[in-house]
Amino acid sequence: MLTLYGVGIIVGAGIYVLIGEVVGAAGFSAPLSFLIAGILVAPTGYSYAELVARFPEAAGQAAYVRHAFNSIT
């Protein structure tokens, strides 16, 4: 479930809203453009996977920032 939540945050709603415009502009190259974009964002997904494994808290990004800057609050 957490993985799907992360994918939803990374992908966002734009892929669903703009797919028609992308296919109209790129034509048959549209799947290739999505593949390239997926490869480019894969390190971000991997980074979040590492953070989730290292800091298994329900706070998400707030927990990562707190641990990064050693916040006492």
N, C-alpha and C. Protein backbone atom coordinates (compact mmCIF):
# COMPACT_ATOMS: atom_id res chain seq x y z
N MET A 1 0.82 -1.19 0.00
CA MET A 1 0.00 0.00 0.00
C MET A 1 0.87 1.25 0.00
N LEU A 2 1.91 1.25 0.82
CA LEU A 2 2.79 2.41 0.89
C LEU A 2 3.49 2.66 -0.44
N THR A 3 3.85 1.58 -1.12
CA THR A 3 4.50 1.73 -2.42
C THR A 3 3.56 2.40 -3.41
N LEU A 4 2.32 1.99 -3.43
CA LEU A 4 1.35 2.61 -4.34
C LEU A 4 1.11 4.07 -4.00
N TYR A 5 1.13 4.39 -2.72
CA TYR A 5 0.99 5.79 -2.30
C TYR A 5 2.16 6.61 -2.83
N GLY A 6 3.36 6.07 -2.71
CA GLY A 6 4.54 6.75 -3.22
C GLY A 6 4.49 6.94 -4.73
N VAL A 7 4.04 5.93 -5.44
CA VAL A 7 3.91 6.04 -6.89
C VAL A 7 2.89 7.12 -7.24
N GLY A 8 1.81 7.18 -6.50
CA GLY A 8 0.80 8.21 -6.74
C GLY A 8 1.34 9.61 -6.54
N ILE A 9 2.18 9.78 -5.54
CA ILE A 9 2.78 11.09 -5.30
C ILE A 9 3.74 11.45 -6.42
N ILE A 10 4.55 10.48 -6.83
CA ILE A 10 5.56 10.74 -7.86
C ILE A 10 4.90 11.01 -9.21
N VAL A 11 3.96 10.18 -9.59
CA VAL A 11 3.33 10.32 -10.91
C VAL A 11 2.41 11.52 -10.94
N GLY A 12 1.60 11.68 -9.93
CA GLY A 12 0.67 12.80 -9.88
C GLY A 12 -0.49 12.63 -10.84
N ALA A 13 -1.35 13.59 -10.83
CA ALA A 13 -2.54 13.52 -11.67
C ALA A 13 -2.28 14.00 -13.09
N GLY A 14 -1.18 14.66 -13.33
CA GLY A 14 -0.88 15.20 -14.65
C GLY A 14 -0.84 14.17 -15.75
N ILE A 15 -0.37 12.97 -15.44
CA ILE A 15 -0.29 11.93 -16.46
C ILE A 15 -1.67 11.57 -16.97
N TYR A 16 -2.68 11.66 -16.13
CA TYR A 16 -4.03 11.30 -16.54
C TYR A 16 -4.73 12.45 -17.27
N VAL A 17 -4.38 13.66 -16.91
CA VAL A 17 -5.02 14.82 -17.49
C VAL A 17 -4.44 15.15 -18.87
N LEU A 18 -3.13 15.00 -19.02
CA LEU A 18 -2.46 15.46 -20.23
C LEU A 18 -2.13 14.36 -21.23
N ILE A 19 -2.56 13.14 -21.01
CA ILE A 19 -2.19 12.05 -21.90
C ILE A 19 -2.65 12.28 -23.33
N GLY A 20 -3.83 12.85 -23.51
CA GLY A 20 -4.33 13.12 -24.86
C GLY A 20 -3.48 14.13 -25.60
N GLU A 21 -3.07 15.18 -24.90
CA GLU A 21 -2.22 16.20 -25.53
C GLU A 21 -0.84 15.63 -25.87
N VAL A 22 -0.31 14.80 -24.99
CA VAL A 22 1.01 14.21 -25.24
C VAL A 22 0.96 13.31 -26.46
N VAL A 23 -0.04 12.46 -26.55
CA VAL A 23 -0.16 11.56 -27.69
C VAL A 23 -0.41 12.36 -28.97
N GLY A 24 -1.19 13.43 -28.88
CA GLY A 24 -1.44 14.27 -30.05
C GLY A 24 -0.18 14.95 -30.56
N ALA A 25 0.67 15.37 -29.64
CA ALA A 25 1.89 16.07 -30.04
C ALA A 25 3.01 15.12 -30.42
N ALA A 26 3.15 14.01 -29.70
CA ALA A 26 4.28 13.11 -29.92
C ALA A 26 3.95 11.96 -30.86
N GLY A 27 2.68 11.65 -31.01
CA GLY A 27 2.29 10.55 -31.90
C GLY A 27 2.80 9.21 -31.40
N PHE A 28 3.47 8.49 -32.29
CA PHE A 28 3.95 7.16 -31.93
C PHE A 28 5.13 7.19 -30.97
N SER A 29 5.72 8.35 -30.75
CA SER A 29 6.84 8.48 -29.82
C SER A 29 6.38 8.66 -28.37
N ALA A 30 5.09 8.77 -28.15
CA ALA A 30 4.57 8.99 -26.79
C ALA A 30 4.98 7.89 -25.82
N PRO A 31 4.86 6.60 -26.17
CA PRO A 31 5.30 5.58 -25.22
C PRO A 31 6.79 5.68 -24.90
N LEU A 32 7.58 6.05 -25.89
CA LEU A 32 9.01 6.21 -25.66
C LEU A 32 9.27 7.36 -24.69
N SER A 33 8.52 8.44 -24.83
CA SER A 33 8.72 9.57 -23.93
C SER A 33 8.35 9.21 -22.50
N PHE A 34 7.29 8.41 -22.32
CA PHE A 34 6.92 7.97 -20.98
C PHE A 34 7.97 7.02 -20.41
N LEU A 35 8.55 6.19 -21.24
CA LEU A 35 9.61 5.29 -20.79
C LEU A 35 10.83 6.07 -20.34
N ILE A 36 11.22 7.06 -21.12
CA ILE A 36 12.37 7.89 -20.75
C ILE A 36 12.09 8.64 -19.45
N ALA A 37 10.90 9.19 -19.32
CA ALA A 37 10.54 9.90 -18.09
C ALA A 37 10.55 8.96 -16.90
N GLY A 38 10.06 7.73 -17.09
CA GLY A 38 10.09 6.75 -16.01
C GLY A 38 11.49 6.41 -15.57
N ILE A 39 12.40 6.31 -16.53
CA ILE A 39 13.80 6.03 -16.20
C ILE A 39 14.41 7.20 -15.44
N LEU A 40 14.04 8.42 -15.82
CA LEU A 40 14.58 9.59 -15.14
C LEU A 40 14.08 9.75 -13.71
N VAL A 41 12.85 9.34 -13.43
CA VAL A 41 12.33 9.48 -12.07
C VAL A 41 12.58 8.25 -11.20
N ALA A 42 13.10 7.19 -11.79
CA ALA A 42 13.38 5.97 -11.02
C ALA A 42 14.31 6.22 -9.83
N PRO A 43 15.37 7.02 -9.97
CA PRO A 43 16.21 7.29 -8.79
C PRO A 43 15.46 7.95 -7.64
N THR A 44 14.48 8.80 -7.96
CA THR A 44 13.67 9.41 -6.91
C THR A 44 12.86 8.35 -6.17
N GLY A 45 12.26 7.45 -6.91
CA GLY A 45 11.52 6.36 -6.29
C GLY A 45 12.41 5.47 -5.44
N TYR A 46 13.61 5.20 -5.95
CA TYR A 46 14.56 4.39 -5.18
C TYR A 46 14.97 5.11 -3.90
N SER A 47 15.17 6.42 -3.99
CA SER A 47 15.53 7.19 -2.80
C SER A 47 14.44 7.13 -1.74
N TYR A 48 13.19 7.26 -2.17
CA TYR A 48 12.08 7.16 -1.22
C TYR A 48 11.99 5.75 -0.64
N ALA A 49 12.26 4.74 -1.43
CA ALA A 49 12.25 3.37 -0.91
C ALA A 49 13.31 3.19 0.17
N GLU A 50 14.48 3.76 -0.05
CA GLU A 50 15.54 3.68 0.96
C GLU A 50 15.16 4.45 2.23
N LEU A 51 14.55 5.62 2.07
CA LEU A 51 14.14 6.40 3.23
C LEU A 51 13.06 5.67 4.04
N VAL A 52 12.12 5.05 3.36
CA VAL A 52 11.06 4.31 4.05
C VAL A 52 11.66 3.14 4.81
N ALA A 53 12.63 2.47 4.22
CA ALA A 53 13.26 1.33 4.91
C ALA A 53 14.08 1.80 6.11
N ARG A 54 14.71 2.95 5.98
CA ARG A 54 15.56 3.44 7.06
C ARG A 54 14.77 4.09 8.19
N PHE A 55 13.69 4.80 7.85
CA PHE A 55 12.87 5.49 8.84
C PHE A 55 11.42 5.05 8.70
N PRO A 56 11.06 3.91 9.25
CA PRO A 56 9.68 3.39 9.09
C PRO A 56 8.69 4.09 10.02
N GLU A 57 8.38 5.32 9.70
CA GLU A 57 7.42 6.10 10.48
C GLU A 57 6.26 6.50 9.58
N ALA A 58 5.16 6.88 10.19
CA ALA A 58 3.99 7.28 9.43
C ALA A 58 4.03 8.74 9.01
N ALA A 59 5.06 9.48 9.39
CA ALA A 59 5.11 10.91 9.12
C ALA A 59 5.57 11.26 7.71
N GLY A 60 6.11 10.31 6.97
CA GLY A 60 6.52 10.56 5.59
C GLY A 60 7.67 11.54 5.48
N GLN A 61 7.53 12.50 4.56
CA GLN A 61 8.61 13.44 4.30
C GLN A 61 8.96 14.28 5.52
N ALA A 62 8.01 14.55 6.38
CA ALA A 62 8.31 15.31 7.59
C ALA A 62 9.31 14.56 8.46
N ALA A 63 9.18 13.25 8.54
CA ALA A 63 10.12 12.46 9.33
C ALA A 63 11.51 12.49 8.72
N TYR A 64 11.59 12.47 7.40
CA TYR A 64 12.91 12.48 6.75
C TYR A 64 13.62 13.80 6.99
N VAL A 65 12.88 14.89 6.93
CA VAL A 65 13.47 16.20 7.20
C VAL A 65 13.88 16.30 8.65
N ARG A 66 13.03 15.81 9.55
CA ARG A 66 13.36 15.86 10.98
C ARG A 66 14.64 15.08 11.26
N HIS A 67 14.77 13.91 10.68
CA HIS A 67 15.98 13.11 10.89
C HIS A 67 17.19 13.76 10.22
N ALA A 68 17.00 14.40 9.10
CA ALA A 68 18.12 15.02 8.39
C ALA A 68 18.69 16.20 9.16
N PHE A 69 17.83 16.97 9.82
CA PHE A 69 18.29 18.16 10.51
C PHE A 69 18.26 18.02 12.03
N ASN A 70 18.02 16.81 12.53
CA ASN A 70 18.02 16.52 13.96
C ASN A 70 17.14 17.48 14.76
N SER A 71 15.93 17.66 14.31
CA SER A 71 15.00 18.54 15.00
C SER A 71 14.58 17.91 16.32
N ILE A 72 14.54 18.68 17.37
CA ILE A 72 14.17 18.18 18.69
C ILE A 72 12.67 18.30 18.91
N THR A 73 11.98 19.07 18.09
CA THR A 73 10.55 19.29 18.29
C THR A 73 9.75 18.07 18.00
